[in-house]
Amino acid sequence: MENLDIKKIEDWGMNLQNPLWIAGPCSAETEEQVLGIATALKDSDISVFRAGIWKPRTRPGSFEGVGSEGLEWLMKAKKILNKPVSTEVANGKHVEEALKAGIDILWLGARTTVNPFSVQEVCDALKGTDIPVLVKNPINPDLQLWIGAIERLAQAGIDKIGAIHRGFSVNVPTRFRNKPEWSYPIHLKRLFPSLTVISDPSHICGNREMIEEISQRALNFGIDGLMIETHTNPDSAWSDAKQQVTPDVLNKILSNLELRQSIEDAPEFKSELDQLRENVDILDHQIIETLSERFKAIVKIGDYKSDHNLAVFQKDRWDEVIQSRINEATGKGLSEKFIKNILMDIHEESIRLQESRLSDLKNKKVDA
């Protein structure tokens, strides 16, 4: 799967570069609204204009988009901006109508990515075309579903593929609408180096106050761009009003962001960075050696327990160990959650080794 033929964004033939800035309303509401936002963004640094015209909603009765009528509005916005326009598609009919209208870039929403049947229907409609397609992560944190949608597009002959990181649904209250789980887009970039991966801070935050903070964090993690929902009157938006910003605020956010260089773009830092990484490699080696020695000691403890008919798990000892190690770790600046997770994994492996050792000793006695 790592060998998919995916073109870098510079090779899409659309004069797009990294970072990729996509902006526009969550939903196309009226022609006046779409063209008004496009006009307000005319002098901005955005790369692509977006608007949703087919809106999958959780429950019936909510605004589900204006439908294909909005395609004409998007094409008028394209003339105003002289930049590509994009919209979400969820089935074959959407694809056919968007292609016929001349839409430049399509994206699959989170609710579509989660359903391989829907993804395949879209892919079947895309066969024989050369349009770029962006794939939002599925609602729940499932990297394989995300990868699967990308693979299906590649199998359909699409090689201009990007991914949109919009965060993941959570069942407990957090400060995010959708938890970022940054490891997922980072891992996706590792698997597919030429894949353009952008973040959608609007959906991650669920409010406009945090968008700049999360946008900067995305860039710090090496994300290739942003999709930010933008509206001339966000409070009156027909969908997701709280997470949209005005064109003026968008311009301020983009101008305030600090772009991070990749090591390929800054070879003067490579030698020093290689040395720092070598130090990390040495420390990792020491950790592995230490763990190996620790587990050898655990096996000896298992032998002793077997000889004296003692239970593998000793609760009082475990409580003492975990509390003392947490106290020591937090005193050195490590988080309690982090060290506790590590200790639990080590303890689980220790129990497994002792049980395996006891089983081996028992079998030897039987054989004797």
Protein backbone atom coordinates (compact mmCIF):
# COMPACT_ATOMS: atom_id res chain seq x y z
CA MET A 1 0.00 0.00 0.00
CA GLU A 2 2.99 2.31 0.56
CA ASN A 3 3.82 2.14 -3.17
CA LEU A 4 0.69 3.87 -4.48
CA ASP A 5 1.28 6.21 -7.42
CA ILE A 6 0.26 9.52 -5.84
CA LYS A 7 1.36 12.81 -7.36
CA LYS A 8 2.67 15.65 -5.25
CA ILE A 9 0.44 18.72 -5.25
CA GLU A 10 2.98 20.65 -7.35
CA ASP A 11 2.34 18.09 -10.11
CA TRP A 12 -1.45 18.45 -10.17
CA GLY A 13 -1.20 21.00 -13.00
CA MET A 14 -3.28 23.58 -11.13
CA ASN A 15 -0.53 25.97 -9.98
CA LEU A 16 -1.02 24.79 -6.38
CA GLN A 17 1.78 24.79 -3.83
CA ASN A 18 2.49 23.67 -0.29
CA PRO A 19 1.03 24.98 1.99
CA LEU A 20 -2.44 24.54 0.53
CA TRP A 21 -4.99 27.03 1.88
CA ILE A 22 -8.65 26.12 1.25
CA ALA A 23 -11.43 28.43 2.45
CA GLY A 24 -15.08 29.18 1.90
CA PRO A 25 -18.44 28.59 3.59
CA CYS A 26 -19.47 25.36 5.23
CA SER A 27 -22.58 25.45 3.02
CA ALA A 28 -23.53 27.30 -0.12
CA GLU A 29 -26.76 29.00 0.99
CA THR A 30 -27.63 31.48 -1.75
CA GLU A 31 -25.94 32.75 -4.88
CA GLU A 32 -25.53 36.15 -3.23
CA GLN A 33 -23.86 34.59 -0.18
CA VAL A 34 -21.40 32.47 -2.22
CA LEU A 35 -20.39 35.29 -4.55
CA GLY A 36 -20.14 37.73 -1.65
CA ILE A 37 -17.69 35.47 0.18
CA ALA A 38 -15.72 34.87 -3.01
CA THR A 39 -15.44 38.62 -3.59
CA ALA A 40 -14.30 39.17 0.00
CA LEU A 41 -11.59 36.51 -0.47
CA LYS A 42 -10.39 37.80 -3.84
CA ASP A 43 -7.23 39.44 -2.45
CA SER A 44 -6.52 36.72 0.13
CA ASP A 45 -3.81 34.08 -0.01
CA ILE A 46 -6.22 31.16 -0.36
CA SER A 47 -5.41 28.49 -2.94
CA VAL A 48 -8.86 26.94 -3.39
CA PHE A 49 -12.44 28.09 -2.73
CA ARG A 50 -14.76 25.56 -1.08
CA ALA A 51 -18.49 25.27 -0.41
CA GLY A 52 -20.68 22.32 0.49
CA ILE A 53 -23.81 21.87 -1.62
CA TRP A 54 -24.74 18.32 -0.56
CA LYS A 55 -24.63 18.23 3.23
CA PRO A 56 -24.96 14.87 5.05
CA ARG A 57 -26.73 15.61 8.33
CA THR A 58 -27.00 13.43 11.41
CA ARG A 59 -30.80 13.79 11.62
CA PRO A 60 -33.46 14.66 9.02
CA GLY A 61 -34.88 18.15 9.07
CA SER A 62 -31.52 19.95 9.20
CA PHE A 63 -30.32 21.95 6.22
CA GLU A 64 -28.96 19.36 3.78
CA GLY A 65 -27.59 21.74 1.17
CA VAL A 66 -28.98 23.48 -1.88
CA GLY A 67 -27.98 20.61 -4.16
CA SER A 68 -26.82 20.82 -7.76
CA GLU A 69 -28.10 24.40 -8.06
CA GLY A 70 -25.04 25.45 -6.07
CA LEU A 71 -22.64 24.13 -8.69
CA GLU A 72 -23.41 27.10 -10.93
CA TRP A 73 -22.69 29.47 -8.02
CA LEU A 74 -19.32 27.80 -7.46
CA MET A 75 -18.38 28.27 -11.10
CA LYS A 76 -19.27 31.96 -10.86
CA ALA A 77 -17.10 32.18 -7.73
CA LYS A 78 -14.26 30.63 -9.74
CA LYS A 79 -14.47 33.47 -12.26
CA ILE A 80 -14.32 36.04 -9.47
CA LEU A 81 -11.32 34.44 -7.77
CA ASN A 82 -9.57 32.93 -10.79
CA LYS A 83 -8.80 29.99 -8.51
CA PRO A 84 -9.95 26.36 -8.34
CA VAL A 85 -13.21 25.52 -6.59
CA SER A 86 -14.09 22.43 -4.58
CA THR A 87 -17.09 20.65 -3.10
CA GLU A 88 -17.95 17.43 -1.26
CA VAL A 89 -19.40 14.40 -3.05
CA ALA A 90 -20.94 11.33 -1.44
CA ASN A 91 -22.23 9.20 -4.32
CA GLY A 92 -21.94 8.59 -8.05
CA LYS A 93 -24.63 11.11 -8.97
CA HIS A 94 -22.82 13.88 -7.09
CA VAL A 95 -19.63 13.04 -8.94
CA GLU A 96 -21.30 13.11 -12.35
CA GLU A 97 -22.96 16.46 -11.72
CA ALA A 98 -19.81 18.04 -10.27
CA LEU A 99 -17.69 16.85 -13.20
CA LYS A 100 -20.25 18.10 -15.71
CA ALA A 101 -20.32 21.52 -14.05
CA GLY A 102 -16.51 21.81 -14.15
CA ILE A 103 -15.66 21.63 -10.45
CA ASP A 104 -11.87 21.43 -10.04
CA ILE A 105 -11.40 19.41 -6.83
CA LEU A 106 -13.67 16.99 -4.99
CA TRP A 107 -13.55 15.75 -1.44
CA LEU A 108 -15.06 12.81 0.41
CA GLY A 109 -16.59 13.65 3.80
CA ALA A 110 -16.01 11.72 7.02
CA ARG A 111 -19.40 10.00 6.78
CA THR A 112 -18.54 8.76 3.29
CA THR A 113 -15.02 7.58 4.11
CA VAL A 114 -16.42 5.38 6.86
CA ASN A 115 -18.48 3.39 4.32
CA PRO A 116 -16.43 1.40 1.76
CA PHE A 117 -19.57 0.86 -0.38
CA SER A 118 -20.05 4.63 -0.74
CA VAL A 119 -16.35 5.15 -1.42
CA GLN A 120 -16.41 2.49 -4.13
CA GLU A 121 -19.46 4.05 -5.77
CA VAL A 122 -17.65 7.38 -5.94
CA CYS A 123 -14.53 5.67 -7.30
CA ASP A 124 -16.52 3.90 -10.00
CA ALA A 125 -17.94 7.26 -11.12
CA LEU A 126 -14.43 8.76 -11.19
CA LYS A 127 -12.84 6.14 -13.46
CA GLY A 128 -11.31 7.70 -16.54
CA THR A 129 -11.11 11.17 -15.00
CA ASP A 130 -8.12 13.22 -13.88
CA ILE A 131 -9.67 15.29 -11.10
CA PRO A 132 -7.93 15.68 -7.71
CA VAL A 133 -9.80 14.10 -4.79
CA LEU A 134 -9.28 14.79 -1.08
CA VAL A 135 -10.32 12.23 1.55
CA LYS A 136 -11.44 13.25 5.02
CA ASN A 137 -10.60 10.89 7.85
CA PRO A 138 -13.46 8.62 9.01
CA ILE A 139 -15.52 9.79 11.98
CA ASN A 140 -13.84 7.35 14.37
CA PRO A 141 -10.06 6.87 14.61
CA ASP A 142 -9.55 4.05 12.11
CA LEU A 143 -6.42 4.46 10.02
CA GLN A 144 -7.19 1.41 7.88
CA LEU A 145 -10.53 2.89 6.73
CA TRP A 146 -8.75 6.12 5.80
CA ILE A 147 -6.06 4.22 3.91
CA GLY A 148 -8.69 2.01 2.29
CA ALA A 149 -10.47 4.99 0.74
CA ILE A 150 -7.15 6.29 -0.63
CA GLU A 151 -6.34 2.86 -2.05
CA ARG A 152 -9.74 2.60 -3.75
CA LEU A 153 -9.18 5.97 -5.44
CA ALA A 154 -5.76 4.87 -6.62
CA GLN A 155 -7.21 1.64 -8.00
CA ALA A 156 -9.76 3.74 -9.92
CA GLY A 157 -6.88 5.52 -11.66
CA ILE A 158 -6.88 8.70 -9.56
CA ASP A 159 -3.32 9.79 -8.78
CA LYS A 160 -4.01 13.34 -7.58
CA ILE A 161 -5.05 12.40 -4.07
CA GLY A 162 -4.94 14.35 -0.82
CA ALA A 163 -6.19 13.79 2.70
CA ILE A 164 -8.06 16.05 5.10
CA HIS A 165 -7.53 15.59 8.81
CA ARG A 166 -10.73 16.83 10.51
CA GLY A 167 -10.37 15.09 13.87
CA PHE A 168 -12.27 12.18 15.39
CA SER A 169 -15.55 11.88 17.25
CA VAL A 170 -15.38 11.48 21.03
CA ASN A 171 -18.04 10.41 23.51
CA VAL A 172 -16.74 12.46 26.43
CA PRO A 173 -16.62 16.25 26.78
CA THR A 174 -13.36 17.81 25.55
CA ARG A 175 -12.38 21.25 24.38
CA PHE A 176 -12.55 19.95 20.81
CA ARG A 177 -15.57 19.16 18.69
CA ASN A 178 -13.47 16.36 17.18
CA LYS A 179 -10.30 15.23 18.93
CA PRO A 180 -7.23 15.84 16.70
CA GLU A 181 -5.33 12.58 17.40
CA TRP A 182 -2.33 14.01 15.55
CA SER A 183 -0.60 10.64 15.27
CA TYR A 184 -3.07 9.57 12.55
CA PRO A 185 -2.29 12.24 9.91
CA ILE A 186 1.41 12.05 10.80
CA HIS A 187 1.41 8.27 10.26
CA LEU A 188 -0.49 8.71 7.00
CA LYS A 189 2.24 11.09 5.78
CA ARG A 190 4.88 8.53 6.69
CA LEU A 191 3.11 5.81 4.70
CA PHE A 192 2.54 8.01 1.63
CA PRO A 193 5.31 10.67 1.42
CA SER A 194 3.90 12.29 -1.73
CA LEU A 195 0.35 12.53 -0.30
CA THR A 196 -0.78 16.07 0.51
CA VAL A 197 -2.30 16.01 4.01
CA ILE A 198 -4.11 19.12 5.26
CA SER A 199 -6.00 19.79 8.49
CA ASP A 200 -9.53 21.13 8.96
CA PRO A 201 -9.29 23.16 12.20
CA SER A 202 -12.90 24.29 11.82
CA HIS A 203 -14.20 20.77 12.43
CA ILE A 204 -11.51 19.92 14.96
CA CYS A 205 -12.33 22.97 17.10
CA GLY A 206 -16.05 23.39 16.59
CA ASN A 207 -15.54 27.05 17.53
CA ARG A 208 -13.78 29.94 15.86
CA GLU A 209 -11.77 30.98 18.93
CA MET A 210 -9.34 28.04 18.74
CA ILE A 211 -8.81 27.92 14.98
CA GLU A 212 -5.54 29.87 14.89
CA GLU A 213 -4.04 27.80 17.72
CA ILE A 214 -4.92 24.48 16.07
CA SER A 215 -3.84 25.74 12.64
CA GLN A 216 -0.39 26.55 13.99
CA ARG A 217 -0.17 23.21 15.74
CA ALA A 218 -1.00 21.46 12.48
CA LEU A 219 1.82 23.27 10.69
CA ASN A 220 4.18 22.46 13.57
CA PHE A 221 3.45 18.77 12.94
CA GLY A 222 4.35 19.12 9.27
CA ILE A 223 0.80 19.21 7.91
CA ASP A 224 0.70 20.53 4.34
CA GLY A 225 -2.12 23.07 4.59
CA LEU A 226 -5.49 23.99 6.04
CA MET A 227 -9.19 24.00 5.19
CA ILE A 228 -10.90 26.79 7.14
CA GLU A 229 -14.61 27.51 6.87
CA THR A 230 -15.20 31.17 6.07
CA HIS A 231 -18.41 33.22 5.94
CA THR A 232 -19.11 36.95 5.66
CA ASN A 233 -21.71 36.64 8.44
CA PRO A 234 -20.82 33.48 10.39
CA ASP A 235 -23.41 33.91 13.14
CA SER A 236 -26.21 33.70 10.57
CA ALA A 237 -24.76 30.68 8.73
CA TRP A 238 -27.23 27.89 7.97
CA SER A 239 -24.81 25.21 9.20
CA ASP A 240 -21.88 25.09 11.65
CA ALA A 241 -22.14 28.79 12.49
CA LYS A 242 -19.87 28.63 15.55
CA GLN A 243 -16.84 27.32 13.68
CA GLN A 244 -16.75 29.74 10.75
CA VAL A 245 -14.64 32.91 10.58
CA THR A 246 -14.98 36.09 8.55
CA PRO A 247 -12.66 36.72 5.58
CA ASP A 248 -10.85 39.39 7.62
CA VAL A 249 -10.23 36.98 10.48
CA LEU A 250 -9.07 34.31 8.01
CA ASN A 251 -6.53 36.75 6.54
CA LYS A 252 -5.23 37.56 10.04
CA ILE A 253 -4.93 33.87 10.90
CA LEU A 254 -2.99 33.07 7.72
CA SER A 255 -0.68 36.07 8.17
CA ASN A 256 0.05 35.12 11.80
CA LEU A 257 0.95 31.51 11.08
CA GLU A 258 4.60 30.51 11.22
CA LEU A 259 5.55 28.11 8.44
CA ARG A 260 8.02 25.36 9.38
CA GLN A 261 10.77 24.24 7.00
CA SER A 262 11.24 20.60 6.23
CA ILE A 263 14.79 19.26 6.55
CA GLU A 264 14.89 18.82 2.76
CA ASP A 265 14.35 22.58 2.38
CA ALA A 266 16.99 23.45 5.01
CA PRO A 267 20.07 21.26 4.41
CA GLU A 268 22.20 23.57 6.59
CA PHE A 269 20.46 22.09 9.66
CA LYS A 270 20.84 18.45 8.62
CA SER A 271 24.25 17.76 10.19
CA GLU A 272 23.28 19.07 13.62
CA LEU A 273 19.88 17.37 13.47
CA ASP A 274 21.53 14.06 12.52
CA GLN A 275 23.72 14.34 15.63
CA LEU A 276 20.71 15.00 17.85
CA ARG A 277 18.90 12.05 16.28
CA GLU A 278 21.96 9.86 16.84
CA ASN A 279 21.78 10.72 20.54
CA VAL A 280 18.14 9.63 20.55
CA ASP A 281 19.11 6.37 18.81
CA ILE A 282 21.68 5.68 21.54
CA LEU A 283 19.13 6.37 24.27
CA ASP A 284 16.59 4.11 22.57
CA HIS A 285 19.20 1.35 22.45
CA GLN A 286 19.85 1.80 26.15
CA ILE A 287 16.12 1.59 26.90
CA ILE A 288 15.84 -1.67 24.96
CA GLU A 289 18.89 -3.13 26.72
CA THR A 290 17.50 -2.08 30.11
CA LEU A 291 14.12 -3.63 29.38
CA SER A 292 15.81 -6.85 28.27
CA GLU A 293 17.73 -7.03 31.57
CA ARG A 294 14.58 -6.22 33.52
CA PHE A 295 12.65 -9.06 31.93
CA LYS A 296 15.53 -11.47 32.60
CA ALA A 297 15.18 -10.54 36.27
CA ILE A 298 11.43 -11.09 36.00
CA VAL A 299 12.01 -14.65 34.76
CA LYS A 300 14.19 -15.33 37.83
CA ILE A 301 11.41 -13.98 40.04
CA GLY A 302 9.02 -16.32 38.27
CA ASP A 303 11.31 -19.26 39.02
CA TYR A 304 11.45 -18.30 42.67
CA LYS A 305 7.65 -18.02 42.87
CA SER A 306 7.34 -21.44 41.27
CA ASP A 307 9.80 -23.02 43.72
CA HIS A 308 7.89 -21.59 46.69
CA ASN A 309 4.39 -22.03 45.27
CA LEU A 310 3.64 -18.30 45.18
CA ALA A 311 1.02 -16.57 43.03
CA VAL A 312 2.30 -14.78 39.93
CA PHE A 313 0.49 -11.52 40.77
CA GLN A 314 1.28 -9.91 44.12
CA LYS A 315 -1.08 -6.93 44.51
CA ASP A 316 0.70 -5.20 47.41
CA ARG A 317 4.01 -5.29 45.56
CA TRP A 318 2.41 -3.98 42.36
CA ASP A 319 0.70 -1.09 44.18
CA GLU A 320 4.00 -0.15 45.79
CA VAL A 321 5.89 -0.31 42.49
CA ILE A 322 3.46 1.72 40.44
CA GLN A 323 3.12 4.50 43.03
CA SER A 324 6.87 4.83 43.62
CA ARG A 325 7.64 4.86 39.88
CA ILE A 326 4.93 7.44 39.18
CA ASN A 327 6.30 9.67 41.94
CA GLU A 328 9.81 9.38 40.54
CA ALA A 329 8.70 9.97 36.92
CA THR A 330 6.52 13.00 37.66
CA GLY A 331 9.42 14.46 39.61
CA LYS A 332 11.43 14.32 36.40
CA GLY A 333 8.78 16.09 34.33
CA LEU A 334 7.00 13.04 32.85
CA SER A 335 3.22 12.92 32.92
CA GLU A 336 1.49 10.50 35.26
CA LYS A 337 -0.69 9.14 32.44
CA PHE A 338 2.34 8.46 30.24
CA ILE A 339 4.38 6.60 32.85
CA LYS A 340 1.35 4.69 34.10
CA ASN A 341 0.62 3.42 30.58
CA ILE A 342 4.23 2.30 30.20
CA LEU A 343 4.21 0.55 33.58
CA MET A 344 0.96 -1.24 32.72
CA ASP A 345 2.45 -2.53 29.45
CA ILE A 346 5.63 -3.67 31.23
CA HIS A 347 3.61 -5.34 33.96
CA GLU A 348 1.40 -7.14 31.42
CA GLU A 349 4.50 -8.46 29.64
CA SER A 350 6.04 -9.46 32.99
CA ILE A 351 2.94 -11.47 33.91
CA ARG A 352 3.00 -13.13 30.49
CA LEU A 353 6.66 -14.09 30.87
CA GLN A 354 6.15 -15.50 34.37
CA GLU A 355 3.11 -17.53 33.30
CA SER A 356 5.04 -18.84 30.30
CA ARG A 357 7.96 -19.76 32.55
CA LEU A 358 5.69 -21.56 35.03
CA SER A 359 4.11 -23.50 32.16
CA ASP A 360 7.54 -24.54 30.84
CA LEU A 361 8.67 -25.71 34.27
CA LYS A 362 5.46 -27.70 34.74
CA ASN A 363 5.90 -29.39 31.37
CA LYS A 364 9.47 -30.32 32.23
CA LYS A 365 8.31 -31.96 35.45
CA VAL A 366 5.68 -33.94 33.53
CA ASP A 367 8.24 -35.05 30.95
CA ALA A 368 10.62 -36.11 33.73
